[in-house]
Amino acid sequence: MLPAEKWTLRLSVLLLEEKSVLGLEAEPTFKAGPVEITAKLRSGHFVLEAHDFDSEAAALAYAPQLTVGLWNLAIDRHISFVPYFEQRRITRAADPEQAGRNLNSQFDLPYTGPVHGLTEEAGITVYRSDEHIRFASMSGTGYSSTPWALVEQALGEGIQLGATCGLLSSDLATALDLYLAHLSETSIRARFLTLIMALEVLSPVTEKHPAAVALLNDFADRVQAKFDDEPDADARDALQALSREIGFRKETSIRRRVRQLILDVAPLPDSELQEFTRDVVHAYDLRGALIHKGAVDDLALGNAYEVALKAIKLILKARLRTDRAA
């Protein structure tokens, strides 16, 4: 009787700092409940292999537990990674022996055995435990490069802008910090929210119509009078909080301020400006849904991110042309 077929679940994530996990040279194995798991480092990727599942479905069903383990690792030990958790498709070899020889000859290496399939490094893979699967990836020290002509163009433009803008005002400096930070965020949600924060920082504070402000001032005076005569500490605390809220109510909403920022600063033709402003406001509304509900449609989020990215780049470049430190 042949032994029962076993399956392996493999989850690989790219570490943002390759050497952030030490002691993986020996490929340690540990148990999480009944499941035996091996940890490895491969081309800058942190790899977890969970062994001996009775079926492909059982192995795949365990994947969410590995992902939660990684999130907990990030929270407890501050280890950052690219959270790509999609299942990879394995390209199977019709002749594993010949596939192994072909792959090894391409890299001028000695033959190391059959290769049953090839797939990409990052993500989730499920395969039979007796299979030899090759995983292709960029080096852990991989990078993206930009041609010098484009680098030179951007540098030259920036240097010219620097000649006219002088010292950066505090809001522009903060927005630039946020823009730079968004580049290293690993999820589109974090990148989108960071860009929206940058737009908020650049949106000047303005007050509502004088008629509305006058009514709020009258109400604030009544609250202050009540506060002055109130002996109860809890009531005084509540009145003080209300007074602060009235102060905020005098200002136009951040949504309206972001809208006005685009209208006032974005260097677009009138024919494009109105439509783009509506797109930015819609993206800002999506920000509220994401914060309060925790999830939005992936396609809508992708579109909103592209709008926010275009908006902040337009505003930052316009401000760099005109800015003076206060």
Protein backbone atom coordinates (compact mmCIF):
# COMPACT_ATOMS: atom_id res chain seq x y z
CA MET A 1 0.00 0.00 0.00
CA LEU A 2 1.41 3.37 -1.03
CA PRO A 3 1.85 6.03 1.68
CA ALA A 4 -0.81 8.71 1.75
CA GLU A 5 -0.02 11.78 -0.34
CA LYS A 6 0.99 14.81 1.71
CA TRP A 7 0.89 18.50 0.84
CA THR A 8 3.03 21.51 1.77
CA LEU A 9 1.86 25.10 2.24
CA ARG A 10 4.48 27.78 1.55
CA LEU A 11 4.11 31.49 2.35
CA SER A 12 6.87 33.89 1.32
CA VAL A 13 7.00 37.66 2.00
CA LEU A 14 9.66 40.17 1.03
CA LEU A 15 11.34 41.68 4.08
CA LEU A 16 11.83 45.43 3.90
CA GLU A 17 15.05 44.93 5.84
CA GLU A 18 16.66 41.71 4.64
CA LYS A 19 18.57 41.04 7.86
CA SER A 20 15.67 41.86 10.18
CA VAL A 21 15.27 38.16 11.08
CA LEU A 22 18.41 36.50 12.42
CA GLY A 23 19.17 32.82 12.98
CA LEU A 24 17.56 31.46 9.82
CA GLU A 25 20.76 29.87 8.50
CA ALA A 26 19.84 26.56 10.15
CA GLU A 27 16.27 26.74 8.79
CA PRO A 28 14.63 26.20 12.19
CA THR A 29 11.50 24.14 12.53
CA PHE A 30 8.83 24.76 15.16
CA LYS A 31 5.33 23.58 15.95
CA ALA A 32 2.21 25.73 16.04
CA GLY A 33 -0.38 23.41 17.51
CA PRO A 34 -0.18 20.15 15.55
CA VAL A 35 1.41 21.74 12.46
CA GLU A 36 5.17 21.63 11.90
CA ILE A 37 6.54 24.78 10.26
CA THR A 38 9.99 25.52 8.85
CA ALA A 39 11.32 29.09 8.56
CA LYS A 40 13.82 30.10 5.86
CA LEU A 41 15.40 33.14 4.24
CA ARG A 42 15.39 33.12 0.44
CA SER A 43 16.60 36.08 -1.63
CA GLY A 44 15.47 38.58 0.97
CA HIS A 45 12.15 36.79 1.51
CA PHE A 46 10.99 35.34 4.83
CA VAL A 47 9.58 31.91 4.04
CA LEU A 48 7.27 29.74 6.16
CA GLU A 49 6.66 26.15 5.07
CA ALA A 50 3.87 24.23 6.83
CA HIS A 51 4.10 20.48 6.29
CA ASP A 52 2.13 17.25 6.06
CA PHE A 53 -1.39 18.29 5.13
CA ASP A 54 -3.68 15.51 3.92
CA SER A 55 -5.03 17.47 0.96
CA GLU A 56 -4.41 20.58 -1.11
CA ALA A 57 -7.59 22.12 0.30
CA ALA A 58 -6.49 21.49 3.90
CA ALA A 59 -3.13 23.11 3.21
CA LEU A 60 -4.71 26.17 1.61
CA ALA A 61 -7.21 26.48 4.46
CA TYR A 62 -4.28 26.91 6.86
CA ALA A 63 -2.89 29.93 4.97
CA PRO A 64 -4.87 32.55 6.96
CA GLN A 65 -3.23 31.31 10.14
CA LEU A 66 0.22 31.88 8.69
CA THR A 67 -0.75 35.40 7.64
CA VAL A 68 -2.02 36.20 11.13
CA GLY A 69 1.26 34.89 12.47
CA LEU A 70 3.14 37.33 10.26
CA TRP A 71 0.96 40.26 11.33
CA ASN A 72 1.56 39.40 14.95
CA LEU A 73 5.30 39.22 14.28
CA ALA A 74 5.14 42.71 12.78
CA ILE A 75 3.23 44.06 15.79
CA ASP A 76 5.34 42.41 18.47
CA ARG A 77 8.81 42.68 16.92
CA HIS A 78 8.41 45.59 14.45
CA ILE A 79 9.48 43.46 11.48
CA SER A 80 8.17 44.95 8.26
CA PHE A 81 7.39 43.10 5.05
CA VAL A 82 5.43 43.43 1.83
CA PRO A 83 2.01 41.88 2.57
CA TYR A 84 1.45 39.92 -0.64
CA PHE A 85 -0.73 36.94 0.22
CA GLU A 86 -2.10 35.85 -3.17
CA GLN A 87 -1.88 32.22 -4.26
CA ARG A 88 0.72 31.61 -6.95
CA ARG A 89 0.11 29.38 -9.96
CA ILE A 90 2.73 26.68 -10.52
CA THR A 91 3.86 26.04 -14.10
CA ARG A 92 4.26 22.27 -14.17
CA ALA A 93 7.01 20.51 -16.10
CA ALA A 94 6.03 17.73 -18.51
CA ASP A 95 9.45 16.13 -17.94
CA PRO A 96 10.78 17.05 -14.45
CA GLU A 97 14.19 15.44 -15.10
CA GLN A 98 14.78 17.41 -18.28
CA ALA A 99 13.38 20.60 -16.69
CA GLY A 100 15.91 20.25 -13.88
CA ARG A 101 18.77 19.80 -16.34
CA ASN A 102 17.64 22.76 -18.44
CA LEU A 103 17.37 25.10 -15.45
CA ASN A 104 20.74 24.10 -14.06
CA SER A 105 22.47 24.49 -17.43
CA GLN A 106 21.03 28.00 -17.78
CA PHE A 107 22.80 29.02 -14.58
CA ASP A 108 25.90 26.85 -15.21
CA LEU A 109 25.23 24.75 -12.12
CA PRO A 110 25.56 21.00 -11.54
CA TYR A 111 22.40 18.94 -11.89
CA THR A 112 20.59 18.78 -8.54
CA GLY A 113 17.56 16.70 -9.43
CA PRO A 114 14.19 16.96 -11.15
CA VAL A 115 12.14 20.15 -11.09
CA HIS A 116 8.40 19.55 -11.06
CA GLY A 117 7.33 23.15 -11.40
CA LEU A 118 8.29 26.80 -11.44
CA THR A 119 6.57 29.79 -9.84
CA GLU A 120 7.27 33.18 -8.32
CA GLU A 121 8.81 33.62 -4.88
CA ALA A 122 6.42 35.93 -3.03
CA GLY A 123 2.96 34.75 -2.04
CA ILE A 124 1.22 31.48 -1.20
CA THR A 125 2.05 28.18 -2.89
CA VAL A 126 0.59 24.71 -2.28
CA TYR A 127 2.25 21.60 -3.71
CA ARG A 128 2.76 17.92 -3.03
CA SER A 129 5.42 17.41 -0.40
CA ASP A 130 7.47 15.08 -2.64
CA GLU A 131 7.69 17.67 -5.42
CA HIS A 132 10.68 19.89 -6.08
CA ILE A 133 9.40 23.38 -6.96
CA ARG A 134 11.69 26.21 -8.02
CA PHE A 135 10.84 29.76 -6.89
CA ALA A 136 11.99 32.70 -9.00
CA SER A 137 12.57 36.13 -7.49
CA MET A 138 14.54 39.30 -7.72
CA SER A 139 17.52 39.46 -5.37
CA GLY A 140 16.79 40.57 -1.83
CA THR A 141 18.95 43.60 -2.62
CA GLY A 142 16.99 44.24 -5.78
CA TYR A 143 16.11 47.77 -6.77
CA SER A 144 14.33 49.73 -9.45
CA SER A 145 16.43 52.05 -11.57
CA THR A 146 15.67 55.24 -13.47
CA PRO A 147 17.58 56.28 -16.61
CA TRP A 148 19.98 59.19 -16.06
CA ALA A 149 18.18 61.37 -18.60
CA LEU A 150 15.05 61.32 -16.46
CA VAL A 151 17.05 61.82 -13.27
CA GLU A 152 18.84 64.78 -14.80
CA GLN A 153 15.55 66.32 -15.96
CA ALA A 154 13.95 66.06 -12.53
CA LEU A 155 17.05 67.35 -10.77
CA GLY A 156 17.38 70.30 -13.11
CA GLU A 157 13.73 71.26 -12.70
CA GLY A 158 13.93 70.95 -8.93
CA ILE A 159 17.10 73.00 -8.72
CA GLN A 160 15.43 75.75 -10.70
CA LEU A 161 12.38 75.66 -8.45
CA GLY A 162 14.66 75.79 -5.43
CA ALA A 163 16.18 78.99 -6.73
CA THR A 164 12.81 80.73 -6.57
CA CYS A 165 11.08 79.22 -3.54
CA GLY A 166 13.58 79.92 -0.77
CA LEU A 167 13.00 78.24 2.61
CA LEU A 168 10.00 75.95 2.78
CA SER A 169 7.04 76.96 4.90
CA SER A 170 6.16 74.51 7.65
CA ASP A 171 3.02 73.13 5.98
CA LEU A 172 4.86 72.44 2.72
CA ALA A 173 7.76 70.81 4.56
CA THR A 174 5.32 68.54 6.43
CA ALA A 175 3.45 67.65 3.24
CA LEU A 176 6.72 66.76 1.52
CA ASP A 177 7.65 64.54 4.48
CA LEU A 178 4.30 62.75 4.15
CA TYR A 179 4.70 62.35 0.40
CA LEU A 180 8.14 60.81 0.92
CA ALA A 181 6.79 58.52 3.65
CA HIS A 182 4.00 57.26 1.39
CA LEU A 183 6.60 55.86 -1.01
CA SER A 184 7.72 53.30 1.56
CA GLU A 185 4.23 52.20 2.63
CA THR A 186 3.52 48.60 1.64
CA SER A 187 -0.26 48.74 1.14
CA ILE A 188 -2.35 50.93 -1.13
CA ARG A 189 -4.61 51.82 1.81
CA ALA A 190 -1.70 53.25 3.79
CA ARG A 191 -0.34 55.08 0.74
CA PHE A 192 -3.75 56.57 -0.04
CA LEU A 193 -4.40 57.76 3.52
CA THR A 194 -0.90 59.25 3.76
CA LEU A 195 -1.46 61.25 0.57
CA ILE A 196 -4.82 62.49 1.84
CA MET A 197 -3.11 63.67 5.04
CA ALA A 198 -0.63 65.59 2.90
CA LEU A 199 -3.50 67.32 1.09
CA GLU A 200 -5.13 68.16 4.43
CA VAL A 201 -1.91 69.73 5.70
CA LEU A 202 -1.74 71.96 2.62
CA SER A 203 -5.39 73.05 2.83
CA PRO A 204 -5.54 76.49 4.51
CA VAL A 205 -7.89 76.97 7.45
CA THR A 206 -10.78 79.28 6.59
CA GLU A 207 -13.88 80.35 8.51
CA LYS A 208 -17.49 79.86 7.55
CA HIS A 209 -19.64 82.76 6.33
CA PRO A 210 -19.65 85.69 8.82
CA ALA A 211 -23.37 85.18 9.49
CA ALA A 212 -22.74 81.60 10.62
CA VAL A 213 -19.68 82.62 12.64
CA ALA A 214 -21.69 85.34 14.43
CA LEU A 215 -24.28 82.79 15.56
CA LEU A 216 -21.54 80.45 16.75
CA ASN A 217 -19.90 83.30 18.67
CA ASP A 218 -23.20 84.05 20.43
CA PHE A 219 -23.53 80.39 21.37
CA ALA A 220 -19.91 80.32 22.56
CA ASP A 221 -20.58 83.30 24.85
CA ARG A 222 -23.57 81.50 26.40
CA VAL A 223 -21.50 78.35 26.94
CA GLN A 224 -18.71 80.39 28.55
CA ALA A 225 -21.17 82.13 30.88
CA LYS A 226 -22.61 78.77 31.92
CA PHE A 227 -19.08 77.42 32.43
CA ASP A 228 -18.12 80.35 34.68
CA ASP A 229 -21.12 79.74 36.98
CA GLU A 230 -21.03 75.93 36.98
CA PRO A 231 -19.74 74.37 40.24
CA ASP A 232 -19.90 70.71 39.12
CA ALA A 233 -16.54 69.46 37.78
CA ASP A 234 -18.05 66.97 35.29
CA ALA A 235 -20.39 69.61 33.90
CA ARG A 236 -17.51 72.08 33.56
CA ASP A 237 -15.51 69.48 31.67
CA ALA A 238 -18.42 68.86 29.29
CA LEU A 239 -18.92 72.59 28.74
CA GLN A 240 -15.23 73.09 28.05
CA ALA A 241 -15.34 70.32 25.44
CA LEU A 242 -18.40 71.96 23.86
CA SER A 243 -16.58 75.28 23.75
CA ARG A 244 -13.69 73.71 21.85
CA GLU A 245 -16.13 72.06 19.44
CA ILE A 246 -17.77 75.43 18.73
CA GLY A 247 -14.34 76.80 17.87
CA PHE A 248 -13.84 74.03 15.33
CA ARG A 249 -17.32 74.62 13.93
CA LYS A 250 -16.30 78.14 12.90
CA GLU A 251 -13.91 76.65 10.38
CA THR A 252 -15.00 75.29 7.04
CA SER A 253 -14.89 71.50 6.82
CA ILE A 254 -11.62 69.89 5.77
CA ARG A 255 -13.49 68.45 2.78
CA ARG A 256 -14.37 71.95 1.56
CA ARG A 257 -10.85 73.18 2.28
CA VAL A 258 -9.32 70.38 0.20
CA ARG A 259 -11.74 71.23 -2.60
CA GLN A 260 -10.76 74.90 -2.45
CA LEU A 261 -7.07 73.98 -2.40
CA ILE A 262 -7.42 72.21 -5.74
CA LEU A 263 -9.44 75.07 -7.24
CA ASP A 264 -6.96 77.71 -6.05
CA VAL A 265 -3.61 76.01 -6.60
CA ALA A 266 -3.79 73.14 -9.11
CA PRO A 267 -2.31 74.41 -12.42
CA LEU A 268 -4.95 72.94 -14.71
CA PRO A 269 -7.01 74.47 -17.53
CA ASP A 270 -10.53 75.45 -16.49
CA SER A 271 -11.94 72.72 -18.73
CA GLU A 272 -10.15 70.08 -16.62
CA LEU A 273 -10.10 71.78 -13.23
CA GLN A 274 -13.77 71.43 -12.32
CA GLU A 275 -13.93 67.74 -13.19
CA PHE A 276 -10.65 66.99 -11.42
CA THR A 277 -11.84 68.85 -8.32
CA ARG A 278 -14.93 66.63 -8.23
CA ASP A 279 -12.67 63.57 -8.49
CA VAL A 280 -10.55 64.79 -5.57
CA VAL A 281 -13.63 65.40 -3.41
CA HIS A 282 -14.90 61.91 -4.27
CA ALA A 283 -11.50 60.48 -3.27
CA TYR A 284 -11.67 62.41 0.00
CA ASP A 285 -15.12 60.95 0.68
CA LEU A 286 -13.67 57.48 0.11
CA ARG A 287 -11.08 58.29 2.77
CA GLY A 288 -13.94 58.71 5.27
CA ALA A 289 -15.47 55.38 4.29
CA LEU A 290 -12.10 53.65 4.61
CA ILE A 291 -11.44 55.08 8.07
CA HIS A 292 -14.91 54.49 9.50
CA LYS A 293 -15.77 51.17 7.83
CA GLY A 294 -12.27 49.73 7.44
CA ALA A 295 -12.81 48.52 3.88
CA VAL A 296 -13.81 49.87 0.47
CA ASP A 297 -14.04 48.45 -3.04
CA ASP A 298 -10.54 47.64 -4.34
CA LEU A 299 -11.14 49.23 -7.75
CA ALA A 300 -12.55 52.40 -6.19
CA LEU A 301 -9.57 52.56 -3.83
CA GLY A 302 -7.14 52.17 -6.71
CA ASN A 303 -8.82 54.98 -8.64
CA ALA A 304 -8.93 57.22 -5.57
CA TYR A 305 -5.24 56.61 -4.93
CA GLU A 306 -4.36 57.66 -8.49
CA VAL A 307 -6.44 60.85 -8.08
CA ALA A 308 -4.83 61.66 -4.72
CA LEU A 309 -1.36 61.03 -6.16
CA LYS A 310 -1.99 63.32 -9.12
CA ALA A 311 -3.46 65.99 -6.83
CA ILE A 312 -0.60 66.05 -4.34
CA LYS A 313 2.03 66.10 -7.10
CA LEU A 314 0.29 69.03 -8.80
CA ILE A 315 -0.03 70.97 -5.54
CA LEU A 316 3.50 70.25 -4.32
CA LYS A 317 5.08 71.33 -7.59
CA ALA A 318 2.92 74.46 -7.71
CA ARG A 319 3.83 75.31 -4.12
CA LEU A 320 7.52 74.74 -4.78
CA ARG A 321 7.31 77.35 -7.53
CA THR A 322 5.70 79.97 -5.29
CA ASP A 323 6.45 79.12 -1.68
CA ARG A 324 8.11 81.38 0.84
CA ALA A 325 8.60 80.54 4.49
CA ALA A 326 6.30 82.54 6.70
